[in-house]
């Protein structure tokens, strides 16, 4: 019996309702359905009493979600999609992302189009788009303290954000660079349209094999976003005397002390998006962010969204 997974945002009543309806429908088709909520991929936030919330990358895979699963459906917004990929990427399971949130930048379809989309996927009429993910690890005296898989970005900043941070950063075998800023962002091409974009970083199309380093409110005009090959790992040495906070995908993270080291590299796991039609990144930018829209009046023959 073929297996299909469902991951949903259990904080949204519509996602809960659709999950139950979809489970019943797919069960009548003869599929073995496995369900997990999106909170299963949440990394957790540290506290002064519990400075680390460590769950190894492979331990986030839900029960029943294995490499022989045909595909999984995720019902929620972008946060749920990010959480879902942390759960299923180690098993190479493709995800059909269905928007029940607001922006839905990472989602493929909407709730009112769910069942036609499911029929299309069951018929095998779809493509799989693979996107780069990162493995983020925190070390202290060469001991692994914390790790996470992420699709968008890793952010490292000081507590509180109003204080200046100092970083020494090694990218591959290049000479170390020094940055003074409120924080830094290391992002994938997918994450280039998230926090990195708000911090002044460039938009990178998903298929380009690069990573991006963006300072947050840098102290120098010379400190600007840097794009480099994703084959080059990054090591960040905090050069401030106080602890910092590391956040992954805006979801959870850990404290970073001055003696710690943060290492970021491209993961061998991929985020596998189910696409119901050939991916068109510029259309998504135009539809979700208003990118490339005419800034002056044009003839009515020009197609607008």
Protein backbone atom coordinates (compact mmCIF):
# COMPACT_ATOMS: atom_id res chain seq x y z
CA UNK A 1 0.00 0.00 0.00
CA UNK A 2 1.43 3.42 -1.00
CA UNK A 3 2.00 5.93 1.78
CA UNK A 4 1.10 9.61 1.79
CA UNK A 5 1.91 12.04 4.58
CA UNK A 6 0.06 15.10 5.85
CA UNK A 7 1.73 17.82 7.94
CA UNK A 8 -0.53 20.61 9.14
CA UNK A 9 -0.62 23.70 11.33
CA UNK A 10 -2.72 22.54 14.27
CA UNK A 11 -3.13 26.16 15.44
CA UNK A 12 -5.35 26.89 12.42
CA UNK A 13 -8.88 25.42 12.48
CA UNK A 14 -9.09 25.37 8.69
CA UNK A 15 -5.89 23.30 8.45
CA UNK A 16 -7.24 20.85 11.05
CA UNK A 17 -10.54 20.48 9.19
CA UNK A 18 -8.93 20.03 5.79
CA UNK A 19 -6.50 17.47 7.22
CA UNK A 20 -9.34 15.25 8.44
CA UNK A 21 -11.21 15.58 5.16
CA UNK A 22 -8.11 14.84 3.10
CA UNK A 23 -7.23 11.82 5.24
CA UNK A 24 -10.70 10.34 4.71
CA UNK A 25 -10.59 10.95 0.97
CA UNK A 26 -7.12 9.46 0.46
CA UNK A 27 -7.98 6.48 2.66
CA UNK A 28 -10.91 5.63 0.40
CA UNK A 29 -8.44 5.64 -2.48
CA UNK A 30 -6.49 2.90 -0.68
CA UNK A 31 -3.53 4.95 0.56
CA UNK A 32 -1.84 4.52 3.94
CA UNK A 33 -2.00 7.98 5.52
CA UNK A 34 0.41 9.28 8.16
CA UNK A 35 -0.28 12.60 9.90
CA UNK A 36 1.95 14.92 11.90
CA UNK A 37 1.54 18.53 12.98
CA UNK A 38 3.93 21.26 11.94
CA UNK A 39 5.11 21.84 15.49
CA UNK A 40 7.09 18.60 15.18
CA UNK A 41 9.70 20.54 13.23
CA UNK A 42 9.92 23.47 15.61
CA UNK A 43 13.40 23.74 17.06
CA UNK A 44 12.46 25.50 20.26
CA UNK A 45 13.81 28.61 21.91
CA UNK A 46 16.40 28.65 24.69
CA UNK A 47 16.01 30.29 28.05
CA UNK A 48 18.43 31.29 30.79
CA UNK A 49 17.56 28.07 32.62
CA UNK A 50 17.82 25.98 29.43
CA UNK A 51 20.37 27.62 27.15
CA UNK A 52 20.28 24.84 24.54
CA UNK A 53 17.33 23.19 22.80
CA UNK A 54 19.16 20.52 20.86
CA UNK A 55 17.44 18.03 18.61
CA UNK A 56 19.62 16.30 16.03
CA UNK A 57 18.64 16.72 12.39
CA UNK A 58 17.54 13.14 11.78
CA UNK A 59 15.46 12.92 14.97
CA UNK A 60 12.89 15.40 13.64
CA UNK A 61 11.59 12.87 11.09
CA UNK A 62 8.03 11.90 12.16
CA UNK A 63 7.04 8.31 12.77
CA UNK A 64 5.90 6.61 9.56
CA UNK A 65 7.57 9.16 7.29
CA UNK A 66 10.08 7.01 5.40
CA UNK A 67 11.87 7.05 2.05
CA UNK A 68 9.16 4.89 0.47
CA UNK A 69 6.49 7.58 1.08
CA UNK A 70 5.09 8.73 -2.27
CA UNK A 71 4.71 12.37 -1.21
CA UNK A 72 3.42 14.53 1.63
CA UNK A 73 1.01 17.44 1.79
CA UNK A 74 1.71 20.40 4.07
CA UNK A 75 -1.21 22.60 5.11
CA UNK A 76 -0.26 25.98 6.56
CA UNK A 77 1.74 29.10 5.84
CA UNK A 78 5.42 29.60 5.11
CA UNK A 79 6.41 28.83 8.71
CA UNK A 80 4.70 25.44 8.53
CA UNK A 81 6.40 24.72 5.20
CA UNK A 82 9.82 25.49 6.69
CA UNK A 83 9.06 23.26 9.67
CA UNK A 84 7.79 20.46 7.40
CA UNK A 85 10.97 20.40 5.33
CA UNK A 86 13.06 20.02 8.48
CA UNK A 87 10.99 16.92 9.17
CA UNK A 88 10.92 15.26 5.74
CA UNK A 89 14.12 16.34 3.93
CA UNK A 90 16.23 13.55 5.49
CA UNK A 91 13.84 11.04 3.88
CA UNK A 92 13.82 12.81 0.48
CA UNK A 93 10.03 13.12 0.55
CA UNK A 94 8.57 15.66 -1.91
CA UNK A 95 6.08 18.15 -0.44
CA UNK A 96 2.96 19.67 -1.94
CA UNK A 97 2.62 22.96 -0.03
CA UNK A 98 -0.96 24.24 0.35
CA UNK A 99 -1.45 27.78 1.65
CA UNK A 100 -3.77 28.31 4.60
CA UNK A 101 -1.80 31.35 5.79
CA UNK A 102 -1.23 34.85 4.44
CA UNK A 103 1.83 35.41 2.25
CA UNK A 104 2.33 31.80 1.19
CA UNK A 105 5.55 32.63 -0.67
CA UNK A 106 6.72 29.00 -0.50
CA UNK A 107 3.36 27.35 -1.17
CA UNK A 108 2.27 25.88 -4.49
CA UNK A 109 -1.52 26.10 -4.30
CA UNK A 110 -4.48 27.24 -2.18
CA UNK A 111 -7.06 25.36 -0.12
CA UNK A 112 -9.80 25.96 -2.69
CA UNK A 113 -7.60 24.24 -5.29
CA UNK A 114 -6.50 21.37 -3.06
CA UNK A 115 -8.43 18.44 -4.48
CA UNK A 116 -7.71 19.14 -8.17
CA UNK A 117 -4.07 19.50 -7.14
CA UNK A 118 -4.15 16.15 -5.31
CA UNK A 119 -5.69 14.45 -8.34
CA UNK A 120 -2.96 15.93 -10.54
CA UNK A 121 -0.22 14.66 -8.22
CA UNK A 122 -1.79 11.20 -7.93
CA UNK A 123 -1.81 11.06 -11.73
CA UNK A 124 1.92 11.77 -11.73
CA UNK A 125 1.47 15.04 -13.59
CA UNK A 126 3.94 17.20 -11.70
CA UNK A 127 7.61 18.16 -11.39
CA UNK A 128 9.92 18.11 -8.38
CA UNK A 129 12.03 21.21 -7.80
CA UNK A 130 14.99 20.71 -5.49
CA UNK A 131 16.30 23.57 -3.39
CA UNK A 132 19.41 24.00 -1.27
CA UNK A 133 19.23 23.55 2.50
CA UNK A 134 21.81 24.42 5.16
CA UNK A 135 23.20 22.50 8.09
CA UNK A 136 23.91 24.82 11.01
CA UNK A 137 25.98 23.58 13.95
CA UNK A 138 27.25 25.13 17.18
CA UNK A 139 30.52 23.90 18.67
CA UNK A 140 32.24 24.60 21.96
CA UNK A 141 35.76 23.20 22.34
CA UNK A 142 35.06 20.99 19.30
CA UNK A 143 32.01 19.49 21.02
CA UNK A 144 28.75 19.61 19.07
CA UNK A 145 26.16 21.41 21.19
CA UNK A 146 23.35 22.18 18.75
CA UNK A 147 22.43 21.56 15.12
CA UNK A 148 19.60 22.30 12.74
CA UNK A 149 18.58 21.90 9.13
CA UNK A 150 17.23 25.05 7.51
CA UNK A 151 15.81 26.19 4.19
CA UNK A 152 15.87 29.98 4.55
CA UNK A 153 18.57 31.39 6.79
CA UNK A 154 20.65 31.42 9.93
CA UNK A 155 20.67 34.69 11.87
CA UNK A 156 23.19 35.52 14.58
CA UNK A 157 22.70 38.67 16.64
CA UNK A 158 23.46 40.06 20.06
CA UNK A 159 21.08 40.44 22.96
CA UNK A 160 19.64 43.02 23.00
CA UNK A 161 19.53 43.92 19.32
CA UNK A 162 20.44 47.55 20.09
CA UNK A 163 24.05 46.56 20.85
CA UNK A 164 26.77 46.34 18.22
CA UNK A 165 28.16 42.87 17.42
CA UNK A 166 31.59 41.95 16.13
CA UNK A 167 32.24 38.86 14.03
CA UNK A 168 35.23 37.18 12.44
CA UNK A 169 34.04 35.05 9.54
CA UNK A 170 35.88 32.44 7.49
CA UNK A 171 34.40 31.47 4.12
CA UNK A 172 36.06 28.42 2.64
CA UNK A 173 39.81 28.98 2.38
CA UNK A 174 39.52 32.72 1.89
CA UNK A 175 41.09 35.19 4.31
CA UNK A 176 38.91 35.89 7.36
CA UNK A 177 36.72 38.98 7.25
CA UNK A 178 35.65 41.21 10.14
CA UNK A 179 32.15 42.64 10.39
CA UNK A 180 30.66 45.02 12.95
CA UNK A 181 26.87 45.08 12.75
CA UNK A 182 23.68 44.37 14.67
CA UNK A 183 23.97 40.83 13.38
CA UNK A 184 24.57 38.68 10.31
CA UNK A 185 22.40 36.53 8.06
CA UNK A 186 23.62 33.52 6.09
CA UNK A 187 20.95 32.47 3.63
CA UNK A 188 20.19 30.11 0.78
CA UNK A 189 18.78 31.36 -2.53
CA UNK A 190 15.33 30.50 -1.14
CA UNK A 191 16.06 32.63 1.93
CA UNK A 192 17.22 35.56 -0.20
CA UNK A 193 13.59 36.72 -0.40
CA UNK A 194 13.09 36.48 3.37
CA UNK A 195 15.01 38.28 6.16
CA UNK A 196 18.04 38.81 3.93
CA UNK A 197 15.96 40.85 1.49
CA UNK A 198 14.72 43.08 4.33
CA UNK A 199 18.35 43.60 5.38
CA UNK A 200 19.29 44.87 1.91
CA UNK A 201 20.56 41.63 0.38
CA UNK A 202 20.00 40.74 -3.29
CA UNK A 203 17.33 38.40 -4.64
CA UNK A 204 18.89 35.15 -5.87
CA UNK A 205 17.00 32.79 -8.16
CA UNK A 206 16.57 29.32 -6.56
CA UNK A 207 18.70 27.35 -9.00
CA UNK A 208 21.90 29.35 -8.52
CA UNK A 209 24.46 27.34 -6.46
CA UNK A 210 25.40 30.12 -4.04
CA UNK A 211 24.96 31.25 -0.46
CA UNK A 212 24.61 34.79 0.80
CA UNK A 213 26.09 36.68 3.74
CA UNK A 214 24.19 39.84 4.72
CA UNK A 215 25.14 42.14 7.61
CA UNK A 216 22.23 43.59 9.60
CA UNK A 217 22.65 47.38 9.91
CA UNK A 218 26.45 47.27 9.43
CA UNK A 219 28.65 49.85 11.12
CA UNK A 220 30.71 50.42 7.96
CA UNK A 221 29.72 51.45 4.44
CA UNK A 222 32.20 48.81 3.24
CA UNK A 223 30.21 45.97 4.85
CA UNK A 224 27.67 44.86 2.28
CA UNK A 225 25.99 41.61 1.24
CA UNK A 226 28.31 38.98 -0.20
CA UNK A 227 27.36 36.13 -2.53
CA UNK A 228 29.68 33.12 -2.69
CA UNK A 229 29.77 29.51 -3.90
CA UNK A 230 27.66 27.11 -1.84
CA UNK A 231 30.52 24.60 -1.86
CA UNK A 232 32.37 26.81 0.64
CA UNK A 233 31.54 26.22 4.32
CA UNK A 234 31.34 29.17 6.70
CA UNK A 235 32.70 29.43 10.23
CA UNK A 236 31.63 32.34 12.42
CA UNK A 237 33.72 33.36 15.43
CA UNK A 238 31.85 35.77 17.75
CA UNK A 239 34.24 38.56 18.65
CA UNK A 240 32.01 40.23 21.24
CA UNK A 241 32.34 39.72 24.98
CA UNK A 242 28.65 39.02 25.57
CA UNK A 243 26.53 36.08 24.45
CA UNK A 244 24.59 36.18 21.21
CA UNK A 245 21.39 34.58 19.98
CA UNK A 246 21.23 32.32 16.91
CA UNK A 247 17.89 31.84 15.13
CA UNK A 248 17.27 29.40 12.28
CA UNK A 249 14.40 29.99 9.82
CA UNK A 250 12.85 32.45 12.28
CA UNK A 251 11.77 29.41 14.24
CA UNK A 252 14.12 28.59 17.09
CA UNK A 253 17.72 28.57 18.06
CA UNK A 254 20.23 28.80 20.87
CA UNK A 255 22.60 31.06 22.76
CA UNK A 256 26.12 31.50 21.39
CA UNK A 257 28.93 32.36 23.82
CA UNK A 258 32.16 34.18 22.90
CA UNK A 259 34.15 30.92 22.97
CA UNK A 260 31.69 29.14 20.62
CA UNK A 261 31.96 28.54 16.89
CA UNK A 262 29.08 28.44 14.43
CA UNK A 263 29.60 26.36 11.30
CA UNK A 264 27.29 26.56 8.33
CA UNK A 265 27.47 24.45 5.19
CA UNK A 266 25.30 23.28 2.33
CA UNK A 267 23.42 20.16 3.33
CA UNK A 268 23.36 17.01 1.24
CA UNK A 269 19.62 16.99 1.98
CA UNK A 270 17.39 18.91 -0.42
CA UNK A 271 14.01 20.55 -0.04
CA UNK A 272 11.90 18.83 -2.71
CA UNK A 273 8.93 20.99 -3.80
CA UNK A 274 6.12 19.48 -5.85
CA UNK A 275 5.35 21.83 -8.73
CA UNK A 276 2.05 21.48 -10.57
CA UNK A 277 3.41 23.50 -13.48
CA UNK A 278 6.95 24.47 -14.47
CA UNK A 279 8.46 26.73 -11.76
CA UNK A 280 8.33 30.44 -12.63
CA UNK A 281 10.20 32.36 -9.95
CA UNK A 282 9.73 35.82 -11.46
CA UNK A 283 5.97 35.34 -11.50
CA UNK A 284 6.06 34.53 -7.78
CA UNK A 285 8.15 37.64 -7.09
CA UNK A 286 5.69 39.73 -9.06
CA UNK A 287 2.61 38.22 -7.44
CA UNK A 288 3.82 38.12 -3.82
CA UNK A 289 6.24 41.07 -3.58
CA UNK A 290 5.21 43.34 -6.46
CA UNK A 291 8.65 42.97 -8.10
CA UNK A 292 8.97 44.21 -11.68
CA UNK A 293 5.63 45.99 -11.82
CA UNK A 294 5.49 49.08 -14.08
CA UNK A 295 6.21 52.29 -12.16
CA UNK A 296 4.37 54.45 -14.69
CA UNK A 297 1.07 54.08 -16.53
CA UNK A 298 1.25 51.66 -19.46
CA UNK A 299 -1.17 50.89 -22.28
CA UNK A 300 -3.97 48.49 -21.42
CA UNK A 301 -2.33 45.89 -23.67
CA UNK A 302 0.29 45.31 -20.95
CA UNK A 303 -0.74 42.36 -18.81
CA UNK A 304 -0.82 43.12 -15.12
CA UNK A 305 -1.54 40.66 -12.29
